[in-house]
C-alpha atoms as a PDB file:
ATOM      1  CA  UNK A   1       0.009  -0.035   0.000  1.00  0.00           C
ATOM      2  CA  UNK A   2       1.383   3.441  -0.922  1.00  0.00           C
ATOM      3  CA  UNK A   3       1.681   6.351   1.426  1.00  0.00           C
ATOM      4  CA  UNK A   4      -1.133   8.858   1.327  1.00  0.00           C
ATOM      5  CA  UNK A   5      -2.399  12.029   2.987  1.00  0.00           C
ATOM      6  CA  UNK A   6      -5.565  12.066   5.028  1.00  0.00           C
ATOM      7  CA  UNK A   7      -8.166  14.815   5.211  1.00  0.00           C
ATOM      8  CA  UNK A   8     -11.581  14.944   6.902  1.00  0.00           C
ATOM      9  CA  UNK A   9     -14.434  16.919   5.343  1.00  0.00           C
ATOM     10  CA  UNK A  10     -16.978  18.569   7.576  1.00  0.00           C
ATOM     11  CA  UNK A  11     -19.586  19.310   4.913  1.00  0.00           C
ATOM     12  CA  UNK A  12     -20.219  18.575   1.204  1.00  0.00           C
ATOM     13  CA  UNK A  13     -18.682  21.842  -0.001  1.00  0.00           C
ATOM     14  CA  UNK A  14     -15.415  21.025   1.768  1.00  0.00           C
ATOM     15  CA  UNK A  15     -15.429  17.512   0.355  1.00  0.00           C
ATOM     16  CA  UNK A  16     -15.787  18.878  -3.156  1.00  0.00           C
ATOM     17  CA  UNK A  17     -12.993  21.441  -2.628  1.00  0.00           C
ATOM     18  CA  UNK A  18     -10.600  18.843  -1.129  1.00  0.00           C
ATOM     19  CA  UNK A  19     -11.279  16.500  -4.128  1.00  0.00           C
ATOM     20  CA  UNK A  20     -10.749  19.380  -6.609  1.00  0.00           C
ATOM     21  CA  UNK A  21      -7.416  20.203  -4.976  1.00  0.00           C
ATOM     22  CA  UNK A  22      -6.222  16.606  -5.429  1.00  0.00           C
ATOM     23  CA  UNK A  23      -7.963  15.000  -8.464  1.00  0.00           C
ATOM     24  CA  UNK A  24      -6.596  11.522  -7.788  1.00  0.00           C
ATOM     25  CA  UNK A  25      -7.903  11.641  -4.162  1.00  0.00           C
ATOM     26  CA  UNK A  26     -10.529   9.138  -3.087  1.00  0.00           C
ATOM     27  CA  UNK A  27     -13.452   9.657  -0.841  1.00  0.00           C
ATOM     28  CA  UNK A  28     -13.697   7.075   1.911  1.00  0.00           C
ATOM     29  CA  UNK A  29     -16.665   6.130   4.082  1.00  0.00           C
ATOM     30  CA  UNK A  30     -16.993   2.420   4.916  1.00  0.00           C
ATOM     31  CA  UNK A  31     -13.928   1.523   2.763  1.00  0.00           C
ATOM     32  CA  UNK A  32     -15.197  -2.018   2.139  1.00  0.00           C
ATOM     33  CA  UNK A  33     -13.961  -2.036  -1.401  1.00  0.00           C
ATOM     34  CA  UNK A  34     -11.402   0.879  -1.543  1.00  0.00           C
ATOM     35  CA  UNK A  35      -9.198  -0.565   1.172  1.00  0.00           C
ATOM     36  CA  UNK A  36      -8.914  -3.901  -0.612  1.00  0.00           C
ATOM     37  CA  UNK A  37      -7.947  -2.137  -3.818  1.00  0.00           C
ATOM     38  CA  UNK A  38      -5.288  -0.132  -1.966  1.00  0.00           C
ATOM     39  CA  UNK A  39      -3.837  -3.231  -0.410  1.00  0.00           C
ATOM     40  CA  UNK A  40      -3.572  -4.855  -3.834  1.00  0.00           C
ATOM     41  CA  UNK A  41      -2.068  -1.601  -5.293  1.00  0.00           C
ATOM     42  CA  UNK A  42      -4.827  -1.408  -7.777  1.00  0.00           C
ATOM     43  CA  UNK A  43      -5.713   1.993  -6.363  1.00  0.00           C
ATOM     44  CA  UNK A  44      -2.962   4.345  -5.244  1.00  0.00           C
ATOM     45  CA  UNK A  45      -4.519   7.597  -4.128  1.00  0.00           C
ATOM     46  CA  UNK A  46      -2.330  10.402  -2.855  1.00  0.00           C
ATOM     47  CA  UNK A  47      -5.051  11.421  -0.537  1.00  0.00           C
ATOM     48  CA  UNK A  48      -8.047   9.932   1.305  1.00  0.00           C
ATOM     49  CA  UNK A  49     -10.950  12.267   2.050  1.00  0.00           C
ATOM     50  CA  UNK A  50     -12.945  11.033   5.090  1.00  0.00           C
ATOM     51  CA  UNK A  51     -16.576  11.833   4.495  1.00  0.00           C
ATOM     52  CA  UNK A  52     -18.132   9.935   7.338  1.00  0.00           C
ATOM     53  CA  UNK A  53     -19.086  13.131   9.188  1.00  0.00           C
ATOM     54  CA  UNK A  54     -21.130  14.626   6.360  1.00  0.00           C
ATOM     55  CA  UNK A  55     -24.816  15.003   7.088  1.00  0.00           C
ATOM     56  CA  UNK A  56     -25.796  12.338   4.460  1.00  0.00           C
ATOM     57  CA  UNK A  57     -27.197   9.578   6.706  1.00  0.00           C
ATOM     58  CA  UNK A  58     -30.966  10.050   6.571  1.00  0.00           C
ATOM     59  CA  UNK A  59     -33.780   8.225   4.855  1.00  0.00           C
ATOM     60  CA  UNK A  60     -36.524  10.769   4.170  1.00  0.00           C
ATOM     61  CA  UNK A  61     -39.826  10.724   2.322  1.00  0.00           C
ATOM     62  CA  UNK A  62     -40.097  13.255  -0.522  1.00  0.00           C
ATOM     63  CA  UNK A  63     -42.916  15.562  -1.388  1.00  0.00           C
ATOM     64  CA  UNK A  64     -43.531  13.504  -4.588  1.00  0.00           C
ATOM     65  CA  UNK A  65     -44.262  10.309  -2.592  1.00  0.00           C
ATOM     66  CA  UNK A  66     -40.764   8.782  -3.053  1.00  0.00           C
ATOM     67  CA  UNK A  67     -37.878   8.376  -0.741  1.00  0.00           C
ATOM     68  CA  UNK A  68     -34.486  10.093  -0.570  1.00  0.00           C
ATOM     69  CA  UNK A  69     -31.584   7.980   0.752  1.00  0.00           C
ATOM     70  CA  UNK A  70     -28.481   9.749   2.050  1.00  0.00           C
ATOM     71  CA  UNK A  71     -25.294   8.423   0.522  1.00  0.00           C
ATOM     72  CA  UNK A  72     -23.840   7.506   3.933  1.00  0.00           C
ATOM     73  CA  UNK A  73     -26.763   5.367   5.139  1.00  0.00           C
ATOM     74  CA  UNK A  74     -25.201   1.977   5.874  1.00  0.00           C
ATOM     75  CA  UNK A  75     -26.418  -0.919   3.705  1.00  0.00           C
ATOM     76  CA  UNK A  76     -27.708  -2.770   6.814  1.00  0.00           C
ATOM     77  CA  UNK A  77     -29.633   0.292   8.057  1.00  0.00           C
ATOM     78  CA  UNK A  78     -31.208   0.702   4.678  1.00  0.00           C
ATOM     79  CA  UNK A  79     -32.147  -2.911   4.298  1.00  0.00           C
ATOM     80  CA  UNK A  80     -34.036  -2.942   7.650  1.00  0.00           C
ATOM     81  CA  UNK A  81     -35.419   0.579   7.455  1.00  0.00           C
ATOM     82  CA  UNK A  82     -39.237   0.277   7.947  1.00  0.00           C
ATOM     83  CA  UNK A  83     -40.030   2.503   4.980  1.00  0.00           C
ATOM     84  CA  UNK A  84     -37.760   0.536   2.649  1.00  0.00           C
ATOM     85  CA  UNK A  85     -38.969  -2.837   3.963  1.00  0.00           C
ATOM     86  CA  UNK A  86     -42.653  -1.928   3.531  1.00  0.00           C
ATOM     87  CA  UNK A  87     -42.593   0.160   0.344  1.00  0.00           C
ATOM     88  CA  UNK A  88     -39.461  -1.013  -1.488  1.00  0.00           C
ATOM     89  CA  UNK A  89     -38.900  -4.642  -0.414  1.00  0.00           C
ATOM     90  CA  UNK A  90     -37.121  -5.417  -3.645  1.00  0.00           C
ATOM     91  CA  UNK A  91     -34.270  -3.109  -2.565  1.00  0.00           C
ATOM     92  CA  UNK A  92     -34.191  -4.572   0.953  1.00  0.00           C
ATOM     93  CA  UNK A  93     -34.040  -8.112  -0.416  1.00  0.00           C
ATOM     94  CA  UNK A  94     -31.239  -7.312  -2.930  1.00  0.00           C
ATOM     95  CA  UNK A  95     -29.088  -5.663  -0.150  1.00  0.00           C
ATOM     96  CA  UNK A  96     -29.581  -8.663   2.104  1.00  0.00           C
ATOM     97  CA  UNK A  97     -28.502 -10.963  -0.817  1.00  0.00           C
ATOM     98  CA  UNK A  98     -25.102  -9.215  -0.962  1.00  0.00           C
ATOM     99  CA  UNK A  99     -21.920  -9.496   1.066  1.00  0.00           C
ATOM    100  CA  UNK A 100     -22.038 -10.444   4.791  1.00  0.00           C
ATOM    101  CA  UNK A 101     -23.659  -8.870   7.769  1.00  0.00           C
ATOM    102  CA  UNK A 102     -20.386  -7.356   8.839  1.00  0.00           C
ATOM    103  CA  UNK A 103     -19.718  -5.747   5.425  1.00  0.00           C
ATOM    104  CA  UNK A 104     -23.282  -4.497   5.119  1.00  0.00           C
ATOM    105  CA  UNK A 105     -22.822  -2.756   8.598  1.00  0.00           C
ATOM    106  CA  UNK A 106     -19.839  -0.833   7.139  1.00  0.00           C
ATOM    107  CA  UNK A 107     -20.715  -0.306   3.520  1.00  0.00           C
ATOM    108  CA  UNK A 108     -22.437   2.925   2.614  1.00  0.00           C
ATOM    109  CA  UNK A 109     -25.303   3.456   0.038  1.00  0.00           C
ATOM    110  CA  UNK A 110     -23.198   5.792  -2.137  1.00  0.00           C
ATOM    111  CA  UNK A 111     -20.101   3.589  -1.874  1.00  0.00           C
ATOM    112  CA  UNK A 112     -22.112   0.558  -3.105  1.00  0.00           C
ATOM    113  CA  UNK A 113     -22.742   2.376  -6.414  1.00  0.00           C
ATOM    114  CA  UNK A 114     -18.971   2.960  -6.751  1.00  0.00           C
ATOM    115  CA  UNK A 115     -17.831  -0.694  -6.278  1.00  0.00           C
ATOM    116  CA  UNK A 116     -15.261  -1.832  -8.836  1.00  0.00           C
ATOM    117  CA  UNK A 117     -15.327  -5.103 -10.653  1.00  0.00           C
ATOM    118  CA  UNK A 118     -14.177  -8.236  -8.889  1.00  0.00           C
ATOM    119  CA  UNK A 119     -12.415  -9.580 -12.098  1.00  0.00           C
ATOM    120  CA  UNK A 120      -9.345 -11.444 -10.859  1.00  0.00           C
ATOM    121  CA  UNK A 121      -7.214  -9.933 -13.545  1.00  0.00           C
ATOM    122  CA  UNK A 122      -8.186  -6.373 -12.504  1.00  0.00           C
ATOM    123  CA  UNK A 123      -7.028  -7.258  -8.982  1.00  0.00           C
ATOM    124  CA  UNK A 124      -3.729  -8.760 -10.182  1.00  0.00           C
ATOM    125  CA  UNK A 125      -1.335  -5.934 -11.038  1.00  0.00           C
ATOM    126  CA  UNK A 126       1.056  -8.427 -12.658  1.00  0.00           C
ATOM    127  CA  UNK A 127      -1.475  -8.993 -15.523  1.00  0.00           C
ATOM    128  CA  UNK A 128      -2.559  -6.668 -18.290  1.00  0.00           C
ATOM    129  CA  UNK A 129      -5.915  -4.963 -17.663  1.00  0.00           C
ATOM    130  CA  UNK A 130      -7.510  -2.198 -19.681  1.00  0.00           C
ATOM    131  CA  UNK A 131      -9.716  -1.174 -16.744  1.00  0.00           C
ATOM    132  CA  UNK A 132      -6.641  -0.800 -14.465  1.00  0.00           C
ATOM    133  CA  UNK A 133      -4.171   0.490 -17.183  1.00  0.00           C
ATOM    134  CA  UNK A 134      -5.886   1.640 -20.369  1.00  0.00           C
ATOM    135  CA  UNK A 135      -4.226   0.201 -23.432  1.00  0.00           C
ATOM    136  CA  UNK A 136      -2.577  -2.686 -21.625  1.00  0.00           C
ATOM    137  CA  UNK A 137      -4.933  -5.293 -22.921  1.00  0.00           C
ATOM    138  CA  UNK A 138      -7.637  -7.645 -21.387  1.00  0.00           C
ATOM    139  CA  UNK A 139      -6.206 -10.745 -19.846  1.00  0.00           C
ATOM    140  CA  UNK A 140      -9.739 -12.127 -19.160  1.00  0.00           C
ATOM    141  CA  UNK A 141     -10.635 -12.511 -22.850  1.00  0.00           C
ATOM    142  CA  UNK A 142      -8.207 -15.333 -23.318  1.00  0.00           C
ATOM    143  CA  UNK A 143      -8.032 -16.335 -19.645  1.00  0.00           C
ATOM    144  CA  UNK A 144     -10.421 -17.839 -17.180  1.00  0.00           C
ATOM    145  CA  UNK A 145     -13.627 -15.897 -17.840  1.00  0.00           C
ATOM    146  CA  UNK A 146     -16.310 -17.997 -16.154  1.00  0.00           C
ATOM    147  CA  UNK A 147     -17.629 -15.085 -14.144  1.00  0.00           C
ATOM    148  CA  UNK A 148     -17.472 -12.459 -16.935  1.00  0.00           C
ATOM    149  CA  UNK A 149     -19.959 -10.536 -18.999  1.00  0.00           C
ATOM    150  CA  UNK A 150     -22.271 -11.926 -21.647  1.00  0.00           C
ATOM    151  CA  UNK A 151     -24.022  -8.566 -22.420  1.00  0.00           C
ATOM    152  CA  UNK A 152     -22.591  -5.155 -23.276  1.00  0.00           C
ATOM    153  CA  UNK A 153     -18.981  -6.227 -23.339  1.00  0.00           C
ATOM    154  CA  UNK A 154     -16.392  -4.727 -25.662  1.00  0.00           C
ATOM    155  CA  UNK A 155     -13.086  -5.781 -27.195  1.00  0.00           C
ATOM    156  CA  UNK A 156     -11.345  -3.981 -24.325  1.00  0.00           C
ATOM    157  CA  UNK A 157     -13.191  -5.358 -21.332  1.00  0.00           C
ATOM    158  CA  UNK A 158     -15.551  -8.189 -20.373  1.00  0.00           C
ATOM    159  CA  UNK A 159     -15.753  -7.379 -16.622  1.00  0.00           C
ATOM    160  CA  UNK A 160     -19.006  -7.380 -14.715  1.00  0.00           C
ATOM    161  CA  UNK A 161     -20.406  -5.024 -12.062  1.00  0.00           C
ATOM    162  CA  UNK A 162     -20.572  -6.751  -8.657  1.00  0.00           C
ATOM    163  CA  UNK A 163     -23.360  -4.952  -6.821  1.00  0.00           C
ATOM    164  CA  UNK A 164     -26.685  -6.509  -5.841  1.00  0.00           C
ATOM    165  CA  UNK A 165     -28.204  -3.301  -4.564  1.00  0.00           C
ATOM    166  CA  UNK A 166     -27.562  -1.593  -7.835  1.00  0.00           C
ATOM    167  CA  UNK A 167     -29.586  -4.233  -9.710  1.00  0.00           C
ATOM    168  CA  UNK A 168     -32.626  -3.412  -7.539  1.00  0.00           C
ATOM    169  CA  UNK A 169     -32.002   0.322  -7.892  1.00  0.00           C
ATOM    170  CA  UNK A 170     -31.924  -0.109 -11.759  1.00  0.00           C
ATOM    171  CA  UNK A 171     -35.208  -1.958 -11.715  1.00  0.00           C
ATOM    172  CA  UNK A 172     -36.830   0.711  -9.437  1.00  0.00           C
ATOM    173  CA  UNK A 173     -35.617   3.522 -11.790  1.00  0.00           C
ATOM    174  CA  UNK A 174     -33.835   5.430  -9.031  1.00  0.00           C
ATOM    175  CA  UNK A 175     -31.994   8.637  -9.604  1.00  0.00           C
ATOM    176  CA  UNK A 176     -28.533   9.671  -8.252  1.00  0.00           C
ATOM    177  CA  UNK A 177     -27.974  13.086  -6.706  1.00  0.00           C
ATOM    178  CA  UNK A 178     -24.453  14.437  -6.894  1.00  0.00           C
ATOM    179  CA  UNK A 179     -22.594  17.611  -6.042  1.00  0.00           C
ATOM    180  CA  UNK A 180     -19.484  19.041  -7.537  1.00  0.00           C
ATOM    181  CA  UNK A 181     -17.542  22.239  -8.315  1.00  0.00           C
ATOM    182  CA  UNK A 182     -20.127  23.055 -11.012  1.00  0.00           C
ATOM    183  CA  UNK A 183     -23.051  22.576  -8.682  1.00  0.00           C
ATOM    184  CA  UNK A 184     -25.590  19.841  -8.075  1.00  0.00           C
ATOM    185  CA  UNK A 185     -27.219  17.576 -10.659  1.00  0.00           C
ATOM    186  CA  UNK A 186     -29.420  14.483 -10.878  1.00  0.00           C
ATOM    187  CA  UNK A 187     -28.371  11.435 -12.961  1.00  0.00           C
ATOM    188  CA  UNK A 188     -30.894   8.768 -13.970  1.00  0.00           C
ATOM    189  CA  UNK A 189     -29.690   5.430 -12.584  1.00  0.00           C
ATOM    190  CA  UNK A 190     -29.665   3.957 -16.094  1.00  0.00           C
ATOM    191  CA  UNK A 191     -27.155   6.651 -17.116  1.00  0.00           C
ATOM    192  CA  UNK A 192     -24.966   6.450 -14.018  1.00  0.00           C
ATOM    193  CA  UNK A 193     -22.892   3.275 -14.830  1.00  0.00           C
ATOM    194  CA  UNK A 194     -21.182   2.945 -18.117  1.00  0.00           C
ATOM    195  CA  UNK A 195     -20.641   0.100 -20.534  1.00  0.00           C
ATOM    196  CA  UNK A 196     -16.863  -0.464 -21.093  1.00  0.00           C
ATOM    197  CA  UNK A 197     -16.458   0.576 -24.780  1.00  0.00           C
ATOM    198  CA  UNK A 198     -12.901   1.687 -25.268  1.00  0.00           C
ATOM    199  CA  UNK A 199     -12.665   3.299 -21.793  1.00  0.00           C
ATOM    200  CA  UNK A 200     -13.342   0.488 -19.384  1.00  0.00           C
ATOM    201  CA  UNK A 201     -11.351   2.421 -16.705  1.00  0.00           C
ATOM    202  CA  UNK A 202     -14.331   4.683 -16.365  1.00  0.00           C
ATOM    203  CA  UNK A 203     -17.042   2.865 -14.387  1.00  0.00           C
ATOM    204  CA  UNK A 204     -19.562   5.698 -14.133  1.00  0.00           C
ATOM    205  CA  UNK A 205     -20.425   9.130 -15.327  1.00  0.00           C
ATOM    206  CA  UNK A 206     -19.355  10.990 -12.266  1.00  0.00           C
ATOM    207  CA  UNK A 207     -17.097  14.011 -12.926  1.00  0.00           C
ATOM    208  CA  UNK A 208     -13.649  13.976 -11.194  1.00  0.00           C
ATOM    209  CA  UNK A 209     -14.753  16.416  -8.428  1.00  0.00           C
ATOM    210  CA  UNK A 210     -18.224  15.124  -7.791  1.00  0.00           C
ATOM    211  CA  UNK A 211     -19.554  13.257  -4.830  1.00  0.00           C
ATOM    212  CA  UNK A 212     -22.757  11.243  -4.465  1.00  0.00           C
ATOM    213  CA  UNK A 213     -25.063  12.884  -1.882  1.00  0.00           C
ATOM    214  CA  UNK A 214     -28.261  10.766  -2.197  1.00  0.00           C
ATOM    215  CA  UNK A 215     -30.256   8.235  -4.104  1.00  0.00           C
ATOM    216  CA  UNK A 216     -33.864   8.907  -4.740  1.00  0.00           C
ATOM    217  CA  UNK A 217     -36.619   6.339  -5.294  1.00  0.00           C
ATOM    218  CA  UNK A 218     -39.826   7.131  -7.120  1.00  0.00           C
ATOM    219  CA  UNK A 219     -43.202   6.598  -5.498  1.00  0.00           C
ATOM    220  CA  UNK A 220     -43.856   3.245  -7.252  1.00  0.00           C
ATOM    221  CA  UNK A 221     -42.130   0.555  -5.088  1.00  0.00           C
ATOM    222  CA  UNK A 222     -43.828  -2.592  -6.424  1.00  0.00           C
ATOM    223  CA  UNK A 223     -44.254  -3.865  -2.881  1.00  0.00           C
ATOM    224  CA  UNK A 224     -46.864  -6.534  -3.781  1.00  0.00           C
ATOM    225  CA  UNK A 225     -45.213  -8.319  -6.687  1.00  0.00           C
ATOM    226  CA  UNK A 226     -41.485  -8.452  -6.685  1.00  0.00           C
ATOM    227  CA  UNK A 227     -38.540 -10.857  -6.275  1.00  0.00           C
ATOM    228  CA  UNK A 228     -34.742 -10.743  -6.186  1.00  0.00           C
ATOM    229  CA  UNK A 229     -33.027 -13.992  -7.139  1.00  0.00           C
ATOM    230  CA  UNK A 230     -29.246 -14.458  -6.944  1.00  0.00           C
ATOM    231  CA  UNK A 231     -27.507 -17.433  -8.431  1.00  0.00           C
ATOM    232  CA  UNK A 232     -23.977 -17.964  -7.173  1.00  0.00           C
ATOM    233  CA  UNK A 233     -21.334 -20.753  -6.857  1.00  0.00           C
ATOM    234  CA  UNK A 234     -21.875 -21.062  -3.068  1.00  0.00           C
ATOM    235  CA  UNK A 235     -24.780 -20.148  -0.914  1.00  0.00           C
ATOM    236  CA  UNK A 236     -22.806 -18.028   1.556  1.00  0.00           C
ATOM    237  CA  UNK A 237     -20.894 -14.810   0.744  1.00  0.00           C
ATOM    238  CA  UNK A 238     -20.259 -14.833  -3.056  1.00  0.00           C
ATOM    239  CA  UNK A 239     -20.830 -12.578  -6.013  1.00  0.00           C
ATOM    240  CA  UNK A 240     -23.568 -13.374  -8.506  1.00  0.00           C
ATOM    241  CA  UNK A 241     -23.108 -15.533 -11.586  1.00  0.00           C
ATOM    242  CA  UNK A 242     -26.497 -14.226 -12.505  1.00  0.00           C
ATOM    243  CA  UNK A 243     -29.000 -12.135 -10.466  1.00  0.00           C
ATOM    244  CA  UNK A 244     -32.439 -10.935 -11.392  1.00  0.00           C
ATOM    245  CA  UNK A 245     -34.620  -8.110 -10.022  1.00  0.00           C
ATOM    246  CA  UNK A 246     -38.262  -8.406 -11.070  1.00  0.00           C
ATOM    247  CA  UNK A 247     -41.086  -6.049 -10.216  1.00  0.00           C
ATOM    248  CA  UNK A 248     -44.557  -6.176 -11.529  1.00  0.00           C
ATOM    249  CA  UNK A 249     -47.707  -4.089 -11.130  1.00  0.00           C
ATOM    250  CA  UNK A 250     -50.610  -6.520 -11.733  1.00  0.00           C
ATOM    251  CA  UNK A 251     -54.173  -5.349 -12.029  1.00  0.00           C
ATOM    252  CA  UNK A 252     -57.223  -7.336 -13.341  1.00  0.00           C
ATOM    253  CA  UNK A 253     -55.119 -10.336 -14.242  1.00  0.00           C
ATOM    254  CA  UNK A 254     -52.876  -8.333 -16.513  1.00  0.00           C
ATOM    255  CA  UNK A 255     -49.428  -6.736 -16.087  1.00  0.00           C
ATOM    256  CA  UNK A 256     -49.827  -3.019 -16.096  1.00  0.00           C
ATOM    257  CA  UNK A 257     -46.131  -2.249 -15.454  1.00  0.00           C
ATOM    258  CA  UNK A 258     -43.002  -4.320 -15.419  1.00  0.00           C
ATOM    259  CA  UNK A 259     -39.409  -3.825 -14.399  1.00  0.00           C
ATOM    260  CA  UNK A 260     -36.622  -6.358 -15.009  1.00  0.00           C
ATOM    261  CA  UNK A 261     -32.886  -5.978 -14.373  1.00  0.00           C
ATOM    262  CA  UNK A 262     -29.975  -8.435 -14.426  1.00  0.00           C
ATOM    263  CA  UNK A 263     -26.799  -8.521 -12.482  1.00  0.00           C
ATOM    264  CA  UNK A 264     -23.590 -10.571 -12.911  1.00  0.00           C
ATOM    265  CA  UNK A 265     -23.875 -10.406 -16.681  1.00  0.00           C
ATOM    266  CA  UNK A 266     -22.504  -6.932 -17.767  1.00  0.00           C
ATOM    267  CA  UNK A 267     -20.375  -3.939 -16.822  1.00  0.00           C
ATOM    268  CA  UNK A 268     -23.491  -2.352 -15.363  1.00  0.00           C
ATOM    269  CA  UNK A 269     -26.950  -3.532 -14.141  1.00  0.00           C
ATOM    270  CA  UNK A 270     -28.702  -4.654 -17.361  1.00  0.00           C
ATOM    271  CA  UNK A 271     -32.177  -3.518 -18.452  1.00  0.00           C
ATOM    272  CA  UNK A 272     -33.913  -3.721 -21.787  1.00  0.00           C
ATOM    273  CA  UNK A 273     -36.969  -1.532 -22.453  1.00  0.00           C
ATOM    274  CA  UNK A 274     -38.220  -3.929 -25.073  1.00  0.00           C
ATOM    275  CA  UNK A 275     -38.326  -6.832 -22.665  1.00  0.00           C
ATOM    276  CA  UNK A 276     -40.340  -4.837 -20.155  1.00  0.00           C
ATOM    277  CA  UNK A 277     -42.658  -3.546 -22.905  1.00  0.00           C
ATOM    278  CA  UNK A 278     -43.322  -7.120 -24.039  1.00  0.00           C
ATOM    279  CA  UNK A 279     -44.697  -7.881 -20.541  1.00  0.00           C
ATOM    280  CA  UNK A 280     -47.109  -4.970 -20.333  1.00  0.00           C
ATOM    281  CA  UNK A 281     -50.687  -5.902 -21.023  1.00  0.00           C
ATOM    282  CA  UNK A 282     -49.961  -9.659 -20.798  1.00  0.00           C
ATOM    283  CA  UNK A 283     -51.270 -12.170 -18.420  1.00  0.00           C
ATOM    284  CA  UNK A 284     -48.595 -13.005 -15.789  1.00  0.00           C
ATOM    285  CA  UNK A 285     -47.919 -16.416 -17.201  1.00  0.00           C
ATOM    286  CA  UNK A 286     -44.880 -18.454 -18.198  1.00  0.00           C
ATOM    287  CA  UNK A 287     -45.253 -17.811 -21.972  1.00  0.00           C
ATOM    288  CA  UNK A 288     -44.961 -14.067 -21.427  1.00  0.00           C
ATOM    289  CA  UNK A 289     -41.991 -14.550 -19.040  1.00  0.00           C
ATOM    290  CA  UNK A 290     -40.271 -16.712 -21.653  1.00  0.00           C
ATOM    291  CA  UNK A 291     -40.654 -14.069 -24.320  1.00  0.00           C
ATOM    292  CA  UNK A 292     -39.272 -11.337 -22.058  1.00  0.00           C
ATOM    293  CA  UNK A 293     -36.328 -13.471 -21.100  1.00  0.00           C
ATOM    294  CA  UNK A 294     -35.572 -14.125 -24.838  1.00  0.00           C
ATOM    295  CA  UNK A 295     -35.656 -10.425 -25.580  1.00  0.00           C
ATOM    296  CA  UNK A 296     -33.485  -9.527 -22.612  1.00  0.00           C
ATOM    297  CA  UNK A 297     -30.866 -12.070 -23.682  1.00  0.00           C
ATOM    298  CA  UNK A 298     -31.086 -11.800 -27.440  1.00  0.00           C
ATOM    299  CA  UNK A 299     -27.681 -10.038 -27.655  1.00  0.00           C
ATOM    300  CA  UNK A 300     -25.840 -12.283 -25.215  1.00  0.00           C
ATOM    301  CA  UNK A 301     -22.350 -13.212 -26.322  1.00  0.00           C
ATOM    302  CA  UNK A 302     -20.741 -15.698 -23.893  1.00  0.00           C
ATOM    303  CA  UNK A 303     -17.072 -16.139 -23.476  1.00  0.00           C
ATOM    304  CA  UNK A 304     -15.082 -19.393 -23.638  1.00  0.00           C
ATOM    305  CA  UNK A 305     -15.880 -20.487 -20.050  1.00  0.00           C
ATOM    306  CA  UNK A 306     -19.294 -19.009 -19.418  1.00  0.00           C
ATOM    307  CA  UNK A 307     -21.546 -20.450 -22.108  1.00  0.00           C
ATOM    308  CA  UNK A 308     -23.715 -21.645 -19.255  1.00  0.00           C
ATOM    309  CA  UNK A 309     -24.772 -18.102 -18.339  1.00  0.00           C
ATOM    310  CA  UNK A 310     -27.396 -17.415 -21.088  1.00  0.00           C
ATOM    311  CA  UNK A 311     -29.467 -20.574 -20.337  1.00  0.00           C
ATOM    312  CA  UNK A 312     -28.978 -20.021 -16.530  1.00  0.00           C
ATOM    313  CA  UNK A 313     -30.008 -16.392 -16.869  1.00  0.00           C
ATOM    314  CA  UNK A 314     -33.172 -17.411 -18.917  1.00  0.00           C
ATOM    315  CA  UNK A 315     -34.257 -19.895 -16.304  1.00  0.00           C
ATOM    316  CA  UNK A 316     -33.520 -17.384 -13.489  1.00  0.00           C
ATOM    317  CA  UNK A 317     -35.560 -14.626 -15.298  1.00  0.00           C
ATOM    318  CA  UNK A 318     -38.558 -16.948 -15.692  1.00  0.00           C
ATOM    319  CA  UNK A 319     -38.331 -18.150 -12.092  1.00  0.00           C
ATOM    320  CA  UNK A 320     -37.977 -14.592 -10.695  1.00  0.00           C
ATOM    321  CA  UNK A 321     -40.926 -13.260 -12.714  1.00  0.00           C
ATOM    322  CA  UNK A 322     -43.050 -16.240 -11.537  1.00  0.00           C
ATOM    323  CA  UNK A 323     -42.179 -15.572  -7.950  1.00  0.00           C
ATOM    324  CA  UNK A 324     -43.049 -11.867  -8.405  1.00  0.00           C
ATOM    325  CA  UNK A 325     -46.343 -12.657 -10.194  1.00  0.00           C
ATOM    326  CA  UNK A 326     -47.362 -15.119  -7.433  1.00  0.00           C
ATOM    327  CA  UNK A 327     -46.419 -12.732  -4.620  1.00  0.00           C
ATOM    328  CA  UNK A 328     -43.897 -15.223  -3.212  1.00  0.00           C
ATOM    329  CA  UNK A 329     -40.594 -13.413  -3.415  1.00  0.00           C
ATOM    330  CA  UNK A 330     -37.262 -15.170  -2.765  1.00  0.00           C
ATOM    331  CA  UNK A 331     -36.462 -15.084   0.937  1.00  0.00           C
ATOM    332  CA  UNK A 332     -32.784 -14.215   1.366  1.00  0.00           C
ATOM    333  CA  UNK A 333     -32.455 -15.941   4.729  1.00  0.00           C
ATOM    334  CA  UNK A 334     -33.534 -19.195   3.032  1.00  0.00           C
ATOM    335  CA  UNK A 335     -30.799 -20.022   0.454  1.00  0.00           C
ATOM    336  CA  UNK A 336     -32.701 -22.670  -1.496  1.00  0.00           C
ATOM    337  CA  UNK A 337     -34.562 -21.374  -4.546  1.00  0.00           C
ATOM    338  CA  UNK A 338     -38.274 -21.329  -4.105  1.00  0.00           C
END
């Protein structure tokens, strides 16, 4: 680990100023990902800016009927918050599917969005990696790529985004509030994370001096018909091979609104408007779910070692939509698939 300076910000304006003064500085809250990256020499910031004292730890209802979640709300607090559990149980379920209780106690909501890939080649500084060193090459393409992307990948990177929480936030159409030297702005969640293209080192659309201040959820929480299903190599703490967030608004035996997002398959949580549109107006039955799964996966391009992912994802999508339609969501404390 390299030597670094330490500074503590007392408010958002000071955090932004400190970051602007040292562009390669990193904000630190829970540090559940950043500290690992520093230990492996993947990240070598000259300065750490402690933001744990910023007033960003509240969960508040908005005037529009939604909820605003401060960036420093711990994942565990968010998962068990009564408003989230009752109105946005999909988000609560996805958080509880991720990491361990100890990590969830430390990890912040804003930090969860900024997690970096768990690609083994990204973590190994002895191997070429375009995400770590642009132009170096992608070791995963000809290496062991069992856990890698099947959607949205590029010639430069086939890494996947690791978050469970972000898959639910994508399905819920959240927005991300940020602040920087140029002021405040709001980013649609679908636009926050990037596909790799020829710049896989850029995970998101934050500017260099910006900080996440909050995540806002719209009023519609799909509390009656939802499910989050995570398929992984082991039932305990592990990242997803494939995960599915499904949310349905069912009325009169028809699907009025549908949301569907995948994790573990792309550089960002994966949604497809056409797949969701194909569900609207349909009876919540297997045939409709199969069509949506086929649309969602129609551009899948597996790698040498993960040809199992498209059929696995298809089965998972159908199962998760069935759980959502039946009102029998996957229970994260019960590891067997319902």
